Amino acid sequence: MDGFERRTSMKKEMILNTSTTLFQKDGIKKVSISKIAKEANVSQVTIYNYFESKEKLLYEALIYFVNQTWEKYHKLIEEPISYEEKMKQFIFSEAQTVNGLHEEFSNYMMDQYKIPGNFIEHLYQEKALPAMMQLVQQGRDEGFIDPGISDAAIFVYLQMFTDYLQKGDAIEQLVPLTEELMKLFFYGIAGNGEIKKPD
């Protein structure tokens, strides 16, 4: 990568990072190209040259957000810490992420998720699901997950959840229950006692 390509890549990264932050915090309607340009310290012309329109920038910002979120969770999965500690961090991190999203951005993400063959589904199938099964195996090895529950059963359980997410009104029902649903998935109906916030 030469100097020009490096500068271009850095500018696009800055625009994506800035627009993603603004869309998450302020929603979609109130965030203009001029506001993004000002916050990213670039010209509006530069943004249009790279992304053509606000709609395309929004779509790229969503991909950026999903990939950044995935990288954060993947890093946690690879951490040399216990399954229990990972679960605590997963639950509270997910709750904070969902609660920090503006409703318009959340709705846009769910609308994209409903499209057959969408990039979120691809990431889930190709990266997130294998990593999740790796985490499940750690839970088995450390005695937190019943070894009698097969990978096939867990896969079906996960697929039921992802299928439900593609329903029209799913996001309104799920957002207030994020922390409870994460606990339910990782600890079951019987629970695992009171979960304290991670250190």
C-alpha atoms as a PDB file:
ATOM      1  CA  MET A   1       0.000   0.000   0.000  1.00  0.00           C
ATOM      2  CA  ASP A   2       1.532   3.328  -1.075  1.00  0.00           C
ATOM      3  CA  GLY A   3       1.174   6.669   0.689  1.00  0.00           C
ATOM      4  CA  PHE A   4      -1.932   7.741  -1.251  1.00  0.00           C
ATOM      5  CA  GLU A   5      -3.734   4.453  -0.603  1.00  0.00           C
ATOM      6  CA  ARG A   6      -2.793   4.626   3.076  1.00  0.00           C
ATOM      7  CA  ARG A   7      -4.181   8.147   3.426  1.00  0.00           C
ATOM      8  CA  THR A   8      -7.359   7.152   1.579  1.00  0.00           C
ATOM      9  CA  SER A   9      -7.823   4.137   3.836  1.00  0.00           C
ATOM     10  CA  MET A  10      -7.294   6.269   6.958  1.00  0.00           C
ATOM     11  CA  LYS A  11      -9.835   8.856   5.777  1.00  0.00           C
ATOM     12  CA  LYS A  12     -12.449   6.199   5.019  1.00  0.00           C
ATOM     13  CA  GLU A  13     -11.835   4.631   8.421  1.00  0.00           C
ATOM     14  CA  MET A  14     -12.285   8.007  10.111  1.00  0.00           C
ATOM     15  CA  ILE A  15     -15.510   8.693   8.200  1.00  0.00           C
ATOM     16  CA  LEU A  16     -16.916   5.249   9.010  1.00  0.00           C
ATOM     17  CA  ASN A  17     -15.952   5.485  12.668  1.00  0.00           C
ATOM     18  CA  THR A  18     -17.437   8.970  12.997  1.00  0.00           C
ATOM     19  CA  SER A  19     -20.663   8.216  11.123  1.00  0.00           C
ATOM     20  CA  THR A  20     -21.190   4.967  13.042  1.00  0.00           C
ATOM     21  CA  THR A  21     -20.816   6.801  16.362  1.00  0.00           C
ATOM     22  CA  LEU A  22     -23.251   9.511  15.271  1.00  0.00           C
ATOM     23  CA  PHE A  23     -25.837   7.073  13.891  1.00  0.00           C
ATOM     24  CA  GLN A  24     -25.707   5.084  17.129  1.00  0.00           C
ATOM     25  CA  LYS A  25     -26.086   8.151  19.326  1.00  0.00           C
ATOM     26  CA  ASP A  26     -28.361  10.475  17.324  1.00  0.00           C
ATOM     27  CA  GLY A  27     -30.184   8.134  14.960  1.00  0.00           C
ATOM     28  CA  ILE A  28     -30.333   8.429  11.183  1.00  0.00           C
ATOM     29  CA  LYS A  29     -32.619  11.350  10.352  1.00  0.00           C
ATOM     30  CA  LYS A  30     -30.776  13.930  12.462  1.00  0.00           C
ATOM     31  CA  VAL A  31     -27.309  12.984  11.204  1.00  0.00           C
ATOM     32  CA  SER A  32     -26.416  14.884   8.035  1.00  0.00           C
ATOM     33  CA  ILE A  33     -23.433  14.512   5.731  1.00  0.00           C
ATOM     34  CA  SER A  34     -22.341  18.004   6.777  1.00  0.00           C
ATOM     35  CA  LYS A  35     -22.355  16.974  10.453  1.00  0.00           C
ATOM     36  CA  ILE A  36     -20.335  13.827   9.696  1.00  0.00           C
ATOM     37  CA  ALA A  37     -17.864  15.846   7.630  1.00  0.00           C
ATOM     38  CA  LYS A  38     -17.397  18.359  10.434  1.00  0.00           C
ATOM     39  CA  GLU A  39     -16.883  15.675  13.089  1.00  0.00           C
ATOM     40  CA  ALA A  40     -14.524  13.651  10.872  1.00  0.00           C
ATOM     41  CA  ASN A  41     -12.615  16.773   9.801  1.00  0.00           C
ATOM     42  CA  VAL A  42     -13.087  16.071   6.086  1.00  0.00           C
ATOM     43  CA  SER A  43     -15.033  17.794   3.321  1.00  0.00           C
ATOM     44  CA  GLN A  44     -18.519  16.737   2.250  1.00  0.00           C
ATOM     45  CA  VAL A  45     -17.093  16.209  -1.242  1.00  0.00           C
ATOM     46  CA  THR A  46     -14.664  13.640   0.179  1.00  0.00           C
ATOM     47  CA  ILE A  47     -17.530  11.718   1.767  1.00  0.00           C
ATOM     48  CA  TYR A  48     -19.533  11.707  -1.452  1.00  0.00           C
ATOM     49  CA  ASN A  49     -16.455  10.634  -3.411  1.00  0.00           C
ATOM     50  CA  TYR A  50     -15.966   7.618  -1.158  1.00  0.00           C
ATOM     51  CA  PHE A  51     -19.582   6.632  -0.420  1.00  0.00           C
ATOM     52  CA  GLU A  52     -21.740   8.384  -3.083  1.00  0.00           C
ATOM     53  CA  SER A  53     -24.758   8.984  -0.809  1.00  0.00           C
ATOM     54  CA  LYS A  54     -25.908   9.030   2.793  1.00  0.00           C
ATOM     55  CA  GLU A  55     -27.791   5.760   2.203  1.00  0.00           C
ATOM     56  CA  LYS A  56     -24.641   3.962   1.053  1.00  0.00           C
ATOM     57  CA  LEU A  57     -22.626   5.466   3.904  1.00  0.00           C
ATOM     58  CA  LEU A  58     -25.273   4.259   6.382  1.00  0.00           C
ATOM     59  CA  TYR A  59     -25.050   0.739   4.983  1.00  0.00           C
ATOM     60  CA  GLU A  60     -21.238   0.767   5.157  1.00  0.00           C
ATOM     61  CA  ALA A  61     -21.413   2.179   8.692  1.00  0.00           C
ATOM     62  CA  LEU A  62     -23.652  -0.714   9.730  1.00  0.00           C
ATOM     63  CA  ILE A  63     -21.166  -3.227   8.293  1.00  0.00           C
ATOM     64  CA  TYR A  64     -18.397  -1.391  10.150  1.00  0.00           C
ATOM     65  CA  PHE A  65     -20.392  -1.500  13.408  1.00  0.00           C
ATOM     66  CA  VAL A  66     -21.193  -5.209  13.085  1.00  0.00           C
ATOM     67  CA  ASN A  67     -17.579  -6.091  12.268  1.00  0.00           C
ATOM     68  CA  GLN A  68     -16.243  -4.006  15.166  1.00  0.00           C
ATOM     69  CA  THR A  69     -18.729  -5.619  17.547  1.00  0.00           C
ATOM     70  CA  TRP A  70     -17.792  -9.079  16.296  1.00  0.00           C
ATOM     71  CA  GLU A  71     -14.061  -8.371  16.726  1.00  0.00           C
ATOM     72  CA  LYS A  72     -14.679  -7.297  20.321  1.00  0.00           C
ATOM     73  CA  TYR A  73     -16.561 -10.524  21.100  1.00  0.00           C
ATOM     74  CA  HIS A  74     -14.065 -12.693  19.218  1.00  0.00           C
ATOM     75  CA  LYS A  75     -11.230 -11.182  21.237  1.00  0.00           C
ATOM     76  CA  LEU A  76     -13.122 -12.010  24.429  1.00  0.00           C
ATOM     77  CA  ILE A  77     -13.704 -15.610  23.308  1.00  0.00           C
ATOM     78  CA  GLU A  78      -9.951 -16.021  22.729  1.00  0.00           C
ATOM     79  CA  GLU A  79      -9.016 -14.533  26.117  1.00  0.00           C
ATOM     80  CA  PRO A  80      -7.313 -17.025  28.512  1.00  0.00           C
ATOM     81  CA  ILE A  81      -9.988 -16.593  31.187  1.00  0.00           C
ATOM     82  CA  SER A  82     -12.685 -18.870  32.556  1.00  0.00           C
ATOM     83  CA  TYR A  83     -15.986 -19.593  30.840  1.00  0.00           C
ATOM     84  CA  GLU A  84     -17.846 -18.014  33.754  1.00  0.00           C
ATOM     85  CA  GLU A  85     -15.898 -14.759  33.490  1.00  0.00           C
ATOM     86  CA  LYS A  86     -16.455 -14.653  29.728  1.00  0.00           C
ATOM     87  CA  MET A  87     -20.197 -15.075  30.262  1.00  0.00           C
ATOM     88  CA  LYS A  88     -20.322 -12.226  32.758  1.00  0.00           C
ATOM     89  CA  GLN A  89     -18.547  -9.940  30.319  1.00  0.00           C
ATOM     90  CA  PHE A  90     -20.716 -11.088  27.396  1.00  0.00           C
ATOM     91  CA  ILE A  91     -23.961 -10.416  29.221  1.00  0.00           C
ATOM     92  CA  PHE A  92     -23.108  -6.949  30.477  1.00  0.00           C
ATOM     93  CA  SER A  93     -21.339  -5.928  27.275  1.00  0.00           C
ATOM     94  CA  GLU A  94     -24.312  -6.973  25.142  1.00  0.00           C
ATOM     95  CA  ALA A  95     -26.736  -5.116  27.406  1.00  0.00           C
ATOM     96  CA  GLN A  96     -24.619  -1.957  27.185  1.00  0.00           C
ATOM     97  CA  THR A  97     -24.310  -2.241  23.391  1.00  0.00           C
ATOM     98  CA  VAL A  98     -28.057  -2.628  22.830  1.00  0.00           C
ATOM     99  CA  ASN A  99     -29.001   0.081  25.309  1.00  0.00           C
ATOM    100  CA  GLY A 100     -26.534   2.448  23.638  1.00  0.00           C
ATOM    101  CA  LEU A 101     -28.107   2.127  20.174  1.00  0.00           C
ATOM    102  CA  HIS A 102     -30.541   4.729  18.914  1.00  0.00           C
ATOM    103  CA  GLU A 103     -33.878   3.178  17.963  1.00  0.00           C
ATOM    104  CA  GLU A 104     -33.564   4.260  14.321  1.00  0.00           C
ATOM    105  CA  PHE A 105     -30.177   2.573  13.972  1.00  0.00           C
ATOM    106  CA  SER A 106     -31.448  -0.584  15.705  1.00  0.00           C
ATOM    107  CA  ASN A 107     -34.456  -0.728  13.402  1.00  0.00           C
ATOM    108  CA  TYR A 108     -32.272  -0.223  10.345  1.00  0.00           C
ATOM    109  CA  MET A 109     -30.005  -3.065  11.457  1.00  0.00           C
ATOM    110  CA  MET A 110     -32.961  -5.395  11.950  1.00  0.00           C
ATOM    111  CA  ASP A 111     -34.421  -4.416   8.565  1.00  0.00           C
ATOM    112  CA  GLN A 112     -31.121  -5.389   6.952  1.00  0.00           C
ATOM    113  CA  TYR A 113     -31.057  -8.645   8.916  1.00  0.00           C
ATOM    114  CA  LYS A 114     -34.426  -9.640   7.468  1.00  0.00           C
ATOM    115  CA  ILE A 115     -33.048  -9.543   3.910  1.00  0.00           C
ATOM    116  CA  PRO A 116     -32.176 -13.087   2.723  1.00  0.00           C
ATOM    117  CA  GLY A 117     -28.439 -13.640   2.427  1.00  0.00           C
ATOM    118  CA  ASN A 118     -27.579 -10.444   4.337  1.00  0.00           C
ATOM    119  CA  PHE A 119     -24.022  -9.795   5.534  1.00  0.00           C
ATOM    120  CA  ILE A 120     -24.965 -10.194   9.218  1.00  0.00           C
ATOM    121  CA  GLU A 121     -26.226 -13.714   8.552  1.00  0.00           C
ATOM    122  CA  HIS A 122     -23.044 -14.522   6.614  1.00  0.00           C
ATOM    123  CA  LEU A 123     -20.864 -13.309   9.475  1.00  0.00           C
ATOM    124  CA  TYR A 124     -22.926 -15.324  11.939  1.00  0.00           C
ATOM    125  CA  GLN A 125     -22.706 -18.538   9.936  1.00  0.00           C
ATOM    126  CA  GLU A 126     -19.051 -18.226   8.912  1.00  0.00           C
ATOM    127  CA  LYS A 127     -17.463 -16.717  12.032  1.00  0.00           C
ATOM    128  CA  ALA A 128     -19.748 -16.208  15.012  1.00  0.00           C
ATOM    129  CA  LEU A 129     -21.353 -19.654  15.116  1.00  0.00           C
ATOM    130  CA  PRO A 130     -18.042 -21.613  15.043  1.00  0.00           C
ATOM    131  CA  ALA A 131     -16.654 -19.312  17.739  1.00  0.00           C
ATOM    132  CA  MET A 132     -19.810 -19.792  19.804  1.00  0.00           C
ATOM    133  CA  MET A 133     -19.447 -23.556  19.580  1.00  0.00           C
ATOM    134  CA  GLN A 134     -15.816 -23.190  20.694  1.00  0.00           C
ATOM    135  CA  LEU A 135     -17.100 -21.295  23.720  1.00  0.00           C
ATOM    136  CA  VAL A 136     -19.702 -23.979  24.391  1.00  0.00           C
ATOM    137  CA  GLN A 137     -16.955 -26.600  24.424  1.00  0.00           C
ATOM    138  CA  GLN A 138     -15.030 -24.564  26.987  1.00  0.00           C
ATOM    139  CA  GLY A 139     -18.191 -24.464  29.079  1.00  0.00           C
ATOM    140  CA  ARG A 140     -18.443 -28.247  28.876  1.00  0.00           C
ATOM    141  CA  ASP A 141     -14.790 -28.708  29.792  1.00  0.00           C
ATOM    142  CA  GLU A 142     -15.175 -26.477  32.856  1.00  0.00           C
ATOM    143  CA  GLY A 143     -18.411 -28.131  33.998  1.00  0.00           C
ATOM    144  CA  PHE A 144     -20.808 -25.266  33.237  1.00  0.00           C
ATOM    145  CA  ILE A 145     -22.623 -26.920  30.324  1.00  0.00           C
ATOM    146  CA  ASP A 146     -24.221 -30.349  30.530  1.00  0.00           C
ATOM    147  CA  PRO A 147     -22.085 -32.682  28.373  1.00  0.00           C
ATOM    148  CA  GLY A 148     -25.286 -34.554  27.521  1.00  0.00           C
ATOM    149  CA  ILE A 149     -26.490 -31.604  25.433  1.00  0.00           C
ATOM    150  CA  SER A 150     -25.208 -32.188  21.900  1.00  0.00           C
ATOM    151  CA  ASP A 151     -23.820 -29.629  19.469  1.00  0.00           C
ATOM    152  CA  ALA A 152     -26.800 -30.392  17.227  1.00  0.00           C
ATOM    153  CA  ALA A 153     -29.266 -29.421  19.966  1.00  0.00           C
ATOM    154  CA  ILE A 154     -27.384 -26.211  20.714  1.00  0.00           C
ATOM    155  CA  PHE A 155     -27.259 -25.379  17.005  1.00  0.00           C
ATOM    156  CA  VAL A 156     -31.054 -25.810  16.727  1.00  0.00           C
ATOM    157  CA  TYR A 157     -31.530 -23.611  19.794  1.00  0.00           C
ATOM    158  CA  LEU A 158     -29.370 -20.878  18.267  1.00  0.00           C
ATOM    159  CA  GLN A 159     -31.129 -21.178  14.920  1.00  0.00           C
ATOM    160  CA  MET A 160     -34.540 -20.774  16.581  1.00  0.00           C
ATOM    161  CA  PHE A 161     -33.309 -17.553  18.142  1.00  0.00           C
ATOM    162  CA  THR A 162     -31.875 -16.186  14.876  1.00  0.00           C
ATOM    163  CA  ASP A 163     -35.071 -17.114  13.025  1.00  0.00           C
ATOM    164  CA  TYR A 164     -37.107 -15.212  15.600  1.00  0.00           C
ATOM    165  CA  LEU A 165     -34.926 -12.129  15.109  1.00  0.00           C
ATOM    166  CA  GLN A 166     -36.106 -11.951  11.508  1.00  0.00           C
ATOM    167  CA  LYS A 167     -39.722 -11.406  12.558  1.00  0.00           C
ATOM    168  CA  GLY A 168     -41.136  -7.959  11.924  1.00  0.00           C
ATOM    169  CA  ASP A 169     -41.661  -6.881  15.546  1.00  0.00           C
ATOM    170  CA  ALA A 170     -38.800  -8.826  17.165  1.00  0.00           C
ATOM    171  CA  ILE A 171     -36.550  -5.879  17.997  1.00  0.00           C
ATOM    172  CA  GLU A 172     -39.223  -4.071  20.061  1.00  0.00           C
ATOM    173  CA  GLN A 173     -39.765  -7.189  22.151  1.00  0.00           C
ATOM    174  CA  LEU A 174     -36.136  -8.214  22.557  1.00  0.00           C
ATOM    175  CA  VAL A 175     -34.291  -4.991  23.389  1.00  0.00           C
ATOM    176  CA  PRO A 176     -35.794  -4.587  26.896  1.00  0.00           C
ATOM    177  CA  LEU A 177     -35.021  -8.255  27.605  1.00  0.00           C
ATOM    178  CA  THR A 178     -31.435  -8.374  26.328  1.00  0.00           C
ATOM    179  CA  GLU A 179     -29.732  -9.051  29.655  1.00  0.00           C
ATOM    180  CA  GLU A 180     -32.339 -11.638  30.706  1.00  0.00           C
ATOM    181  CA  LEU A 181     -32.108 -13.456  27.357  1.00  0.00           C
ATOM    182  CA  MET A 182     -28.319 -13.613  27.527  1.00  0.00           C
ATOM    183  CA  LYS A 183     -28.551 -15.105  31.032  1.00  0.00           C
ATOM    184  CA  LEU A 184     -31.204 -17.543  29.848  1.00  0.00           C
ATOM    185  CA  PHE A 185     -29.078 -18.714  26.938  1.00  0.00           C
ATOM    186  CA  PHE A 186     -25.852 -19.187  28.870  1.00  0.00           C
ATOM    187  CA  TYR A 187     -27.251 -20.384  32.209  1.00  0.00           C
ATOM    188  CA  GLY A 188     -30.658 -21.875  31.395  1.00  0.00           C
ATOM    189  CA  ILE A 189     -33.988 -21.483  33.176  1.00  0.00           C
ATOM    190  CA  ALA A 190     -32.540 -22.896  36.424  1.00  0.00           C
ATOM    191  CA  GLY A 191     -29.989 -20.068  36.416  1.00  0.00           C
ATOM    192  CA  ASN A 192     -26.605 -19.985  38.037  1.00  0.00           C
ATOM    193  CA  GLY A 193     -27.136 -17.737  40.980  1.00  0.00           C
ATOM    194  CA  GLU A 194     -26.707 -13.980  41.034  1.00  0.00           C
ATOM    195  CA  ILE A 195     -24.372 -12.646  38.361  1.00  0.00           C
ATOM    196  CA  LYS A 196     -22.095  -9.850  39.490  1.00  0.00           C
ATOM    197  CA  LYS A 197     -20.631  -7.318  37.128  1.00  0.00           C
ATOM    198  CA  PRO A 198     -17.203  -8.311  35.771  1.00  0.00           C
ATOM    199  CA  ASP A 199     -14.171  -6.790  37.474  1.00  0.00           C
END
